[in-house]
PDB file of N, CA and C in Angstrom:
ATOM      1  N   UNK A   1     -21.934 112.103-147.578  1.00  0.00           N
ATOM      2  CA  UNK A   1     -21.180 110.538-147.252  1.00  0.00           C
ATOM      3  C   UNK A   1     -20.798 111.014-146.266  1.00  0.00           C
ATOM      4  N   UNK A   2     -20.291 112.300-145.554  1.00  0.00           N
ATOM      5  CA  UNK A   2     -18.832 111.803-144.214  1.00  0.00           C
ATOM      6  C   UNK A   2     -20.056 111.822-143.207  1.00  0.00           C
ATOM      7  N   UNK A   3     -21.033 112.438-143.389  1.00  0.00           N
ATOM      8  CA  UNK A   3     -21.890 112.920-141.810  1.00  0.00           C
ATOM      9  C   UNK A   3     -22.106 111.002-142.228  1.00  0.00           C
ATOM     10  N   UNK A   4     -22.643 110.378-143.099  1.00  0.00           N
ATOM     11  CA  UNK A   4     -22.333 108.870-143.484  1.00  0.00           C
ATOM     12  C   UNK A   4     -22.344 107.918-142.507  1.00  0.00           C
ATOM     13  N   UNK A   5     -20.835 108.273-143.107  1.00  0.00           N
ATOM     14  CA  UNK A   5     -19.584 107.544-142.536  1.00  0.00           C
ATOM     15  C   UNK A   5     -19.988 107.540-140.635  1.00  0.00           C
ATOM     16  N   UNK A   6     -20.200 108.695-140.068  1.00  0.00           N
ATOM     17  CA  UNK A   6     -19.873 109.214-138.698  1.00  0.00           C
ATOM     18  C   UNK A   6     -20.867 108.730-137.892  1.00  0.00           C
ATOM     19  N   UNK A   7     -22.068 108.789-138.707  1.00  0.00           N
ATOM     20  CA  UNK A   7     -23.175 107.951-138.421  1.00  0.00           C
ATOM     21  C   UNK A   7     -23.290 106.334-138.487  1.00  0.00           C
ATOM     22  N   UNK A   8     -22.570 105.640-138.956  1.00  0.00           N
ATOM     23  CA  UNK A   8     -21.928 105.003-139.208  1.00  0.00           C
ATOM     24  C   UNK A   8     -21.146 103.964-138.241  1.00  0.00           C
ATOM     25  N   UNK A   9     -19.780 104.814-137.895  1.00  0.00           N
ATOM     26  CA  UNK A   9     -19.615 104.067-136.897  1.00  0.00           C
ATOM     27  C   UNK A   9     -20.097 104.697-135.511  1.00  0.00           C
ATOM     28  N   UNK A  10     -20.519 105.839-135.164  1.00  0.00           N
ATOM     29  CA  UNK A  10     -21.677 105.910-134.234  1.00  0.00           C
ATOM     30  C   UNK A  10     -22.333 104.553-133.650  1.00  0.00           C
ATOM     31  N   UNK A  11     -22.749 104.122-134.747  1.00  0.00           N
ATOM     32  CA  UNK A  11     -24.225 103.185-134.155  1.00  0.00           C
ATOM     33  C   UNK A  11     -23.355 101.791-133.945  1.00  0.00           C
ATOM     34  N   UNK A  12     -21.894 101.647-134.753  1.00  0.00           N
ATOM     35  CA  UNK A  12     -21.367 100.162-134.431  1.00  0.00           C
ATOM     36  C   UNK A  12     -20.278 100.293-133.106  1.00  0.00           C
ATOM     37  N   UNK A  13     -19.852 101.329-132.862  1.00  0.00           N
ATOM     38  CA  UNK A  13     -19.536 101.545-131.704  1.00  0.00           C
ATOM     39  C   UNK A  13     -20.951 101.256-130.350  1.00  0.00           C
ATOM     40  N   UNK A  14     -21.648 101.919-130.677  1.00  0.00           N
ATOM     41  CA  UNK A  14     -23.167 101.826-129.806  1.00  0.00           C
ATOM     42  C   UNK A  14     -23.694 100.079-129.489  1.00  0.00           C
ATOM     43  N   UNK A  15     -23.027  99.713-130.945  1.00  0.00           N
ATOM     44  CA  UNK A  15     -23.261  97.786-130.815  1.00  0.00           C
ATOM     45  C   UNK A  15     -22.884  97.842-130.516  1.00  0.00           C
ATOM     46  N   UNK A  16     -21.108  97.901-130.489  1.00  0.00           N
ATOM     47  CA  UNK A  16     -19.955  96.726-129.623  1.00  0.00           C
ATOM     48  C   UNK A  16     -20.271  97.222-127.842  1.00  0.00           C
ATOM     49  N   UNK A  17     -20.672  98.340-127.581  1.00  0.00           N
ATOM     50  CA  UNK A  17     -20.276  98.755-126.469  1.00  0.00           C
ATOM     51  C   UNK A  17     -21.807  97.846-125.412  1.00  0.00           C
ATOM     52  N   UNK A  18     -22.752  98.105-125.769  1.00  0.00           N
ATOM     53  CA  UNK A  18     -24.010  96.542-125.885  1.00  0.00           C
ATOM     54  C   UNK A  18     -23.176  95.314-125.936  1.00  0.00           C
ATOM     55  N   UNK A  19     -22.527  94.796-126.988  1.00  0.00           N
ATOM     56  CA  UNK A  19     -22.321  93.659-126.957  1.00  0.00           C
ATOM     57  C   UNK A  19     -21.082  93.107-126.060  1.00  0.00           C
ATOM     58  N   UNK A  20     -20.457  93.875-125.159  1.00  0.00           N
ATOM     59  CA  UNK A  20     -19.462  93.788-124.471  1.00  0.00           C
ATOM     60  C   UNK A  20     -20.647  93.882-122.928  1.00  0.00           C
ATOM     61  N   UNK A  21     -21.517  94.729-122.515  1.00  0.00           N
ATOM     62  CA  UNK A  21     -22.294  94.652-121.539  1.00  0.00           C
ATOM     63  C   UNK A  21     -22.980  93.415-121.675  1.00  0.00           C
ATOM     64  N   UNK A  22     -23.682  92.731-122.589  1.00  0.00           N
ATOM     65  CA  UNK A  22     -24.646  91.110-122.551  1.00  0.00           C
ATOM     66  C   UNK A  22     -23.589  89.855-122.236  1.00  0.00           C
ATOM     67  N   UNK A  23     -22.401  90.101-122.476  1.00  0.00           N
ATOM     68  CA  UNK A  23     -21.074  89.333-123.137  1.00  0.00           C
ATOM     69  C   UNK A  23     -21.331  88.563-121.309  1.00  0.00           C
ATOM     70  N   UNK A  24     -21.235  87.185-121.600  1.00  0.00           N
ATOM     71  CA  UNK A  24     -21.377  86.459-120.592  1.00  0.00           C
ATOM     72  C   UNK A  24     -19.882  86.249-119.718  1.00  0.00           C
ATOM     73  N   UNK A  25     -19.174  84.957-119.886  1.00  0.00           N
ATOM     74  CA  UNK A  25     -18.038  84.864-119.852  1.00  0.00           C
ATOM     75  C   UNK A  25     -17.182  86.143-119.972  1.00  0.00           C
ATOM     76  N   UNK A  26     -16.538  86.105-119.022  1.00  0.00           N
ATOM     77  CA  UNK A  26     -15.127  87.177-118.695  1.00  0.00           C
ATOM     78  C   UNK A  26     -14.169  87.093-118.899  1.00  0.00           C
ATOM     79  N   UNK A  27     -13.827  86.104-119.913  1.00  0.00           N
ATOM     80  CA  UNK A  27     -12.149  86.237-121.310  1.00  0.00           C
ATOM     81  C   UNK A  27     -13.231  86.257-122.768  1.00  0.00           C
ATOM     82  N   UNK A  28     -14.418  86.107-123.232  1.00  0.00           N
ATOM     83  CA  UNK A  28     -14.834  86.261-123.822  1.00  0.00           C
ATOM     84  C   UNK A  28     -15.162  88.000-123.655  1.00  0.00           C
ATOM     85  N   UNK A  29     -15.582  88.105-122.707  1.00  0.00           N
ATOM     86  CA  UNK A  29     -16.118  89.912-122.120  1.00  0.00           C
ATOM     87  C   UNK A  29     -14.956  90.580-122.930  1.00  0.00           C
ATOM     88  N   UNK A  30     -13.323  90.602-122.152  1.00  0.00           N
ATOM     89  CA  UNK A  30     -12.526  90.796-122.496  1.00  0.00           C
ATOM     90  C   UNK A  30     -11.583  90.632-124.353  1.00  0.00           C
ATOM     91  N   UNK A  31     -12.473  89.564-124.984  1.00  0.00           N
ATOM     92  CA  UNK A  31     -12.246  89.859-126.103  1.00  0.00           C
ATOM     93  C   UNK A  31     -13.185  90.925-127.027  1.00  0.00           C
ATOM     94  N   UNK A  32     -13.706  90.806-126.800  1.00  0.00           N
ATOM     95  CA  UNK A  32     -15.413  91.557-127.306  1.00  0.00           C
ATOM     96  C   UNK A  32     -15.051  93.335-126.524  1.00  0.00           C
ATOM     97  N   UNK A  33     -14.360  93.137-125.386  1.00  0.00           N
ATOM     98  CA  UNK A  33     -13.634  94.809-125.165  1.00  0.00           C
ATOM     99  C   UNK A  33     -12.618  95.087-125.835  1.00  0.00           C
ATOM    100  N   UNK A  34     -11.681  94.376-126.896  1.00  0.00           N
ATOM    101  CA  UNK A  34     -10.290  94.479-127.483  1.00  0.00           C
ATOM    102  C   UNK A  34     -11.310  94.640-129.095  1.00  0.00           C
ATOM    103  N   UNK A  35     -12.525  94.175-128.917  1.00  0.00           N
ATOM    104  CA  UNK A  35     -13.177  94.861-130.202  1.00  0.00           C
ATOM    105  C   UNK A  35     -13.807  95.884-130.591  1.00  0.00           C
ATOM    106  N   UNK A  36     -14.407  96.124-129.007  1.00  0.00           N
ATOM    107  CA  UNK A  36     -15.037  97.566-128.956  1.00  0.00           C
ATOM    108  C   UNK A  36     -14.058  98.840-129.041  1.00  0.00           C
ATOM    109  N   UNK A  37     -13.252  98.140-128.705  1.00  0.00           N
ATOM    110  CA  UNK A  37     -11.026  99.551-128.626  1.00  0.00           C
ATOM    111  C   UNK A  37     -11.162  99.735-130.000  1.00  0.00           C
ATOM    112  N   UNK A  38     -11.197  98.654-131.058  1.00  0.00           N
ATOM    113  CA  UNK A  38     -10.812  98.642-132.343  1.00  0.00           C
ATOM    114  C   UNK A  38     -12.213  99.562-133.051  1.00  0.00           C
ATOM    115  N   UNK A  39     -13.241  99.472-132.452  1.00  0.00           N
ATOM    116  CA  UNK A  39     -14.396 100.045-133.051  1.00  0.00           C
ATOM    117  C   UNK A  39     -14.186 102.134-132.605  1.00  0.00           C
ATOM    118  N   UNK A  40     -13.920 102.130-131.409  1.00  0.00           N
ATOM    119  CA  UNK A  40     -13.751 103.316-130.770  1.00  0.00           C
ATOM    120  C   UNK A  40     -12.411 104.404-131.936  1.00  0.00           C
ATOM    121  N   UNK A  41     -11.455 103.533-131.453  1.00  0.00           N
ATOM    122  CA  UNK A  41     -10.593 103.744-132.526  1.00  0.00           C
ATOM    123  C   UNK A  41     -10.523 104.528-134.451  1.00  0.00           C
ATOM    124  N   UNK A  42     -11.074 103.412-135.039  1.00  0.00           N
ATOM    125  CA  UNK A  42     -11.716 104.226-136.214  1.00  0.00           C
ATOM    126  C   UNK A  42     -12.265 104.883-136.090  1.00  0.00           C
ATOM    127  N   UNK A  43     -13.440 105.239-134.753  1.00  0.00           N
ATOM    128  CA  UNK A  43     -14.232 106.709-135.100  1.00  0.00           C
ATOM    129  C   UNK A  43     -13.115 107.553-135.042  1.00  0.00           C
ATOM    130  N   UNK A  44     -12.830 107.655-134.046  1.00  0.00           N
ATOM    131  CA  UNK A  44     -11.884 108.606-134.084  1.00  0.00           C
ATOM    132  C   UNK A  44     -10.982 108.901-134.767  1.00  0.00           C
ATOM    133  N   UNK A  45     -10.491 107.838-135.634  1.00  0.00           N
ATOM    134  CA  UNK A  45     -10.292 108.131-137.302  1.00  0.00           C
ATOM    135  C   UNK A  45     -11.061 108.816-138.297  1.00  0.00           C
ATOM    136  N   UNK A  46     -11.686 108.320-137.864  1.00  0.00           N
ATOM    137  CA  UNK A  46     -12.891 108.886-138.956  1.00  0.00           C
ATOM    138  C   UNK A  46     -13.259 110.579-138.788  1.00  0.00           C
ATOM    139  N   UNK A  47     -13.028 110.825-137.194  1.00  0.00           N
ATOM    140  CA  UNK A  47     -13.445 112.465-136.209  1.00  0.00           C
ATOM    141  C   UNK A  47     -12.555 113.284-137.235  1.00  0.00           C
ATOM    142  N   UNK A  48     -11.385 112.460-137.511  1.00  0.00           N
ATOM    143  CA  UNK A  48      -9.678 113.193-137.989  1.00  0.00           C
ATOM    144  C   UNK A  48      -8.836 113.923-136.374  1.00  0.00           C
ATOM    145  N   UNK A  49      -9.023 112.469-135.753  1.00  0.00           N
ATOM    146  CA  UNK A  49      -8.187 112.665-134.686  1.00  0.00           C
ATOM    147  C   UNK A  49      -7.513 111.200-134.513  1.00  0.00           C
ATOM    148  N   UNK A  50      -6.014 111.480-135.278  1.00  0.00           N
ATOM    149  CA  UNK A  50      -5.254 110.682-135.610  1.00  0.00           C
ATOM    150  C   UNK A  50      -4.384 110.055-134.267  1.00  0.00           C
ATOM    151  N   UNK A  51      -3.649 111.142-133.664  1.00  0.00           N
ATOM    152  CA  UNK A  51      -2.947 110.693-132.582  1.00  0.00           C
ATOM    153  C   UNK A  51      -3.808 109.959-131.248  1.00  0.00           C
ATOM    154  N   UNK A  52      -5.339 110.366-131.359  1.00  0.00           N
ATOM    155  CA  UNK A  52      -6.038 109.989-129.868  1.00  0.00           C
ATOM    156  C   UNK A  52      -6.180 108.723-130.800  1.00  0.00           C
ATOM    157  N   UNK A  53      -6.260 107.997-132.498  1.00  0.00           N
ATOM    158  CA  UNK A  53      -7.079 106.973-132.480  1.00  0.00           C
ATOM    159  C   UNK A  53      -6.122 105.658-132.222  1.00  0.00           C
ATOM    160  N   UNK A  54      -4.646 106.515-132.356  1.00  0.00           N
ATOM    161  CA  UNK A  54      -3.673 105.226-131.934  1.00  0.00           C
ATOM    162  C   UNK A  54      -3.609 104.715-130.694  1.00  0.00           C
ATOM    163  N   UNK A  55      -3.875 105.869-129.769  1.00  0.00           N
ATOM    164  CA  UNK A  55      -3.291 105.641-128.532  1.00  0.00           C
ATOM    165  C   UNK A  55      -4.851 105.046-127.726  1.00  0.00           C
ATOM    166  N   UNK A  56      -6.168 105.088-128.375  1.00  0.00           N
ATOM    167  CA  UNK A  56      -7.599 103.701-128.274  1.00  0.00           C
ATOM    168  C   UNK A  56      -6.944 102.936-129.226  1.00  0.00           C
ATOM    169  N   UNK A  57      -6.580 102.261-129.520  1.00  0.00           N
ATOM    170  CA  UNK A  57      -6.295 101.320-130.582  1.00  0.00           C
ATOM    171  C   UNK A  57      -4.690 100.353-129.635  1.00  0.00           C
ATOM    172  N   UNK A  58      -3.807 101.070-129.096  1.00  0.00           N
ATOM    173  CA  UNK A  58      -3.072 100.570-128.027  1.00  0.00           C
ATOM    174  C   UNK A  58      -3.477 100.435-126.601  1.00  0.00           C
ATOM    175  N   UNK A  59      -4.409 101.154-126.353  1.00  0.00           N
ATOM    176  CA  UNK A  59      -4.487 101.294-125.268  1.00  0.00           C
ATOM    177  C   UNK A  59      -5.560 100.021-125.105  1.00  0.00           C
ATOM    178  N   UNK A  60      -7.054 100.533-125.469  1.00  0.00           N
ATOM    179  CA  UNK A  60      -7.859  99.857-125.928  1.00  0.00           C
ATOM    180  C   UNK A  60      -8.424  98.997-126.312  1.00  0.00           C
ATOM    181  N   UNK A  61      -7.489  98.741-127.250  1.00  0.00           N
ATOM    182  CA  UNK A  61      -7.442  97.426-128.357  1.00  0.00           C
ATOM    183  C   UNK A  61      -6.560  96.124-127.324  1.00  0.00           C
ATOM    184  N   UNK A  62      -4.896  96.324-127.299  1.00  0.00           N
ATOM    185  CA  UNK A  62      -4.187  95.211-127.013  1.00  0.00           C
ATOM    186  C   UNK A  62      -4.408  95.079-125.484  1.00  0.00           C
ATOM    187  N   UNK A  63      -3.769  97.134-124.957  1.00  0.00           N
ATOM    188  CA  UNK A  63      -3.427  96.261-123.699  1.00  0.00           C
ATOM    189  C   UNK A  63      -4.683  96.514-122.604  1.00  0.00           C
ATOM    190  N   UNK A  64      -5.291  96.430-122.721  1.00  0.00           N
ATOM    191  CA  UNK A  64      -6.880  97.017-121.576  1.00  0.00           C
ATOM    192  C   UNK A  64      -7.080  95.237-121.213  1.00  0.00           C
ATOM    193  N   UNK A  65      -7.623  94.228-122.725  1.00  0.00           N
ATOM    194  CA  UNK A  65      -7.715  93.490-122.602  1.00  0.00           C
ATOM    195  C   UNK A  65      -6.747  92.467-121.923  1.00  0.00           C
ATOM    196  N   UNK A  66      -5.474  92.972-122.335  1.00  0.00           N
ATOM    197  CA  UNK A  66      -4.335  91.597-121.801  1.00  0.00           C
ATOM    198  C   UNK A  66      -4.533  91.706-120.046  1.00  0.00           C
ATOM    199  N   UNK A  67      -4.432  92.883-119.647  1.00  0.00           N
ATOM    200  CA  UNK A  67      -4.257  93.176-118.373  1.00  0.00           C
ATOM    201  C   UNK A  67      -5.542  92.081-118.008  1.00  0.00           C
ATOM    202  N   UNK A  68      -7.192  92.396-118.275  1.00  0.00           N
ATOM    203  CA  UNK A  68      -7.960  91.617-117.691  1.00  0.00           C
ATOM    204  C   UNK A  68      -7.973  90.619-118.239  1.00  0.00           C
ATOM    205  N   UNK A  69      -6.876  89.675-119.015  1.00  0.00           N
ATOM    206  CA  UNK A  69      -6.944  88.194-118.852  1.00  0.00           C
ATOM    207  C   UNK A  69      -6.311  88.204-117.964  1.00  0.00           C
ATOM    208  N   UNK A  70      -5.303  88.985-117.807  1.00  0.00           N
ATOM    209  CA  UNK A  70      -4.089  88.008-117.405  1.00  0.00           C
ATOM    210  C   UNK A  70      -4.367  88.419-115.530  1.00  0.00           C
ATOM    211  N   UNK A  71      -4.797  89.207-115.151  1.00  0.00           N
ATOM    212  CA  UNK A  71      -5.654  89.432-114.077  1.00  0.00           C
ATOM    213  C   UNK A  71      -6.710  87.812-113.390  1.00  0.00           C
ATOM    214  N   UNK A  72      -8.005  87.667-114.669  1.00  0.00           N
ATOM    215  CA  UNK A  72      -8.362  86.880-114.510  1.00  0.00           C
ATOM    216  C   UNK A  72      -7.530  85.512-114.300  1.00  0.00           C
ATOM    217  N   UNK A  73      -6.434  85.084-115.209  1.00  0.00           N
ATOM    218  CA  UNK A  73      -5.934  84.091-114.999  1.00  0.00           C
ATOM    219  C   UNK A  73      -4.773  84.298-113.780  1.00  0.00           C
ATOM    220  N   UNK A  74      -4.323  85.151-112.864  1.00  0.00           N
ATOM    221  CA  UNK A  74      -3.940  84.984-111.579  1.00  0.00           C
ATOM    222  C   UNK A  74      -5.202  84.700-110.796  1.00  0.00           C
ATOM    223  N   UNK A  75      -5.846  85.200-110.696  1.00  0.00           N
ATOM    224  CA  UNK A  75      -6.854  84.812-109.760  1.00  0.00           C
ATOM    225  C   UNK A  75      -7.442  83.521-109.627  1.00  0.00           C
ATOM    226  N   UNK A  76      -7.789  83.182-111.187  1.00  0.00           N
ATOM    227  CA  UNK A  76      -7.984  81.936-111.158  1.00  0.00           C
ATOM    228  C   UNK A  76      -7.418  80.328-110.751  1.00  0.00           C
ATOM    229  N   UNK A  77      -5.733  81.333-110.978  1.00  0.00           N
ATOM    230  CA  UNK A  77      -4.900  79.788-110.772  1.00  0.00           C
ATOM    231  C   UNK A  77      -4.545  80.786-109.084  1.00  0.00           C
ATOM    232  N   UNK A  78      -4.672  81.487-108.261  1.00  0.00           N
ATOM    233  CA  UNK A  78      -4.061  81.716-106.516  1.00  0.00           C
ATOM    234  C   UNK A  78      -5.647  80.880-106.429  1.00  0.00           C
ATOM    235  N   UNK A  79      -6.740  80.570-106.667  1.00  0.00           N
ATOM    236  CA  UNK A  79      -8.196  80.348-106.234  1.00  0.00           C
ATOM    237  C   UNK A  79      -8.012  78.799-106.342  1.00  0.00           C
ATOM    238  N   UNK A  80      -7.736  77.769-107.862  1.00  0.00           N
ATOM    239  CA  UNK A  80      -7.432  76.777-107.258  1.00  0.00           C
ATOM    240  C   UNK A  80      -6.686  75.891-107.111  1.00  0.00           C
ATOM    241  N   UNK A  81      -5.293  77.300-106.166  1.00  0.00           N
ATOM    242  CA  UNK A  81      -4.275  76.417-106.341  1.00  0.00           C
ATOM    243  C   UNK A  81      -4.623  76.345-104.816  1.00  0.00           C
ATOM    244  N   UNK A  82      -5.399  77.073-104.037  1.00  0.00           N
ATOM    245  CA  UNK A  82      -6.231  76.650-102.595  1.00  0.00           C
ATOM    246  C   UNK A  82      -5.106  78.361-101.840  1.00  0.00           C
ATOM    247  N   UNK A  83      -4.259  78.855-101.906  1.00  0.00           N
ATOM    248  CA  UNK A  83      -3.872  79.246-101.494  1.00  0.00           C
ATOM    249  C   UNK A  83      -4.419  80.257-100.450  1.00  0.00           C
ATOM    250  N   UNK A  84      -4.016  80.012 -99.617  1.00  0.00           N
ATOM    251  CA  UNK A  84      -4.794  80.589 -97.721  1.00  0.00           C
ATOM    252  C   UNK A  84      -3.513  81.823 -97.549  1.00  0.00           C
ATOM    253  N   UNK A  85      -4.278  82.732 -96.492  1.00  0.00           N
ATOM    254  CA  UNK A  85      -3.395  83.422 -95.747  1.00  0.00           C
ATOM    255  C   UNK A  85      -2.831  82.309 -94.525  1.00  0.00           C
ATOM    256  N   UNK A  86      -1.601  82.094 -94.416  1.00  0.00           N
ATOM    257  CA  UNK A  86      -1.172  80.271 -93.264  1.00  0.00           C
ATOM    258  C   UNK A  86      -0.164  81.384 -92.613  1.00  0.00           C
ATOM    259  N   UNK A  87       0.784  82.429 -92.867  1.00  0.00           N
ATOM    260  CA  UNK A  87       1.467  82.872 -91.727  1.00  0.00           C
ATOM    261  C   UNK A  87       1.394  82.898 -90.803  1.00  0.00           C
ATOM    262  N   UNK A  88       0.730  83.358 -90.596  1.00  0.00           N
ATOM    263  CA  UNK A  88       0.387  82.930 -88.679  1.00  0.00           C
ATOM    264  C   UNK A  88       0.095  81.929 -87.944  1.00  0.00           C
ATOM    265  N   UNK A  89      -0.490  81.402 -88.636  1.00  0.00           N
ATOM    266  CA  UNK A  89      -0.977  79.367 -88.456  1.00  0.00           C
ATOM    267  C   UNK A  89       0.625  78.844 -88.482  1.00  0.00           C
ATOM    268  N   UNK A  90       1.486  78.821 -90.065  1.00  0.00           N
ATOM    269  CA  UNK A  90       2.730  78.781 -89.839  1.00  0.00           C
ATOM    270  C   UNK A  90       3.515  78.782 -88.392  1.00  0.00           C
ATOM    271  N   UNK A  91       3.602  79.863 -88.008  1.00  0.00           N
ATOM    272  CA  UNK A  91       4.064  80.943 -86.861  1.00  0.00           C
ATOM    273  C   UNK A  91       3.880  79.787 -85.605  1.00  0.00           C
ATOM    274  N   UNK A  92       2.135  80.271 -85.053  1.00  0.00           N
ATOM    275  CA  UNK A  92       2.121  79.131 -84.148  1.00  0.00           C
ATOM    276  C   UNK A  92       2.464  77.629 -84.238  1.00  0.00           C
ATOM    277  N   UNK A  93       2.247  76.731 -85.121  1.00  0.00           N
ATOM    278  CA  UNK A  93       3.108  75.464 -84.879  1.00  0.00           C
ATOM    279  C   UNK A  93       4.051  75.453 -84.731  1.00  0.00           C
ATOM    280  N   UNK A  94       4.932  76.083 -84.828  1.00  0.00           N
ATOM    281  CA  UNK A  94       6.925  76.385 -84.656  1.00  0.00           C
ATOM    282  C   UNK A  94       6.913  76.211 -83.177  1.00  0.00           C
ATOM    283  N   UNK A  95       5.945  77.053 -82.726  1.00  0.00           N
ATOM    284  CA  UNK A  95       5.988  77.345 -81.433  1.00  0.00           C
ATOM    285  C   UNK A  95       4.888  76.699 -80.418  1.00  0.00           C
ATOM    286  N   UNK A  96       4.576  76.358 -80.523  1.00  0.00           N
ATOM    287  CA  UNK A  96       4.053  74.878 -79.836  1.00  0.00           C
ATOM    288  C   UNK A  96       4.784  73.410 -80.354  1.00  0.00           C
ATOM    289  N   UNK A  97       5.806  73.385 -81.064  1.00  0.00           N
ATOM    290  CA  UNK A  97       6.153  71.571 -80.848  1.00  0.00           C
ATOM    291  C   UNK A  97       7.089  72.226 -79.893  1.00  0.00           C
TER     292      UNK A  97
END
């Protein structure tokens, strides 16, 4: 019975890993990555490693996808507002006046 559960959890982990790779949108990919972290946490729990499972669930399910989504948001916001490195150009304009 335990071997069947381990095989099922491994198959589910392989399926979720494939889903992460095949997901198109970056935000959707972060959400699927969160599900993959949860499946890995459950796999570690089945393999009787509760401390690793708790760490995996905390980091792989919550923290990593959150960091990815926040980084994507910051990158898009920076790109959409049109920020450019104009520090030197601004100084040149002041010296010409």
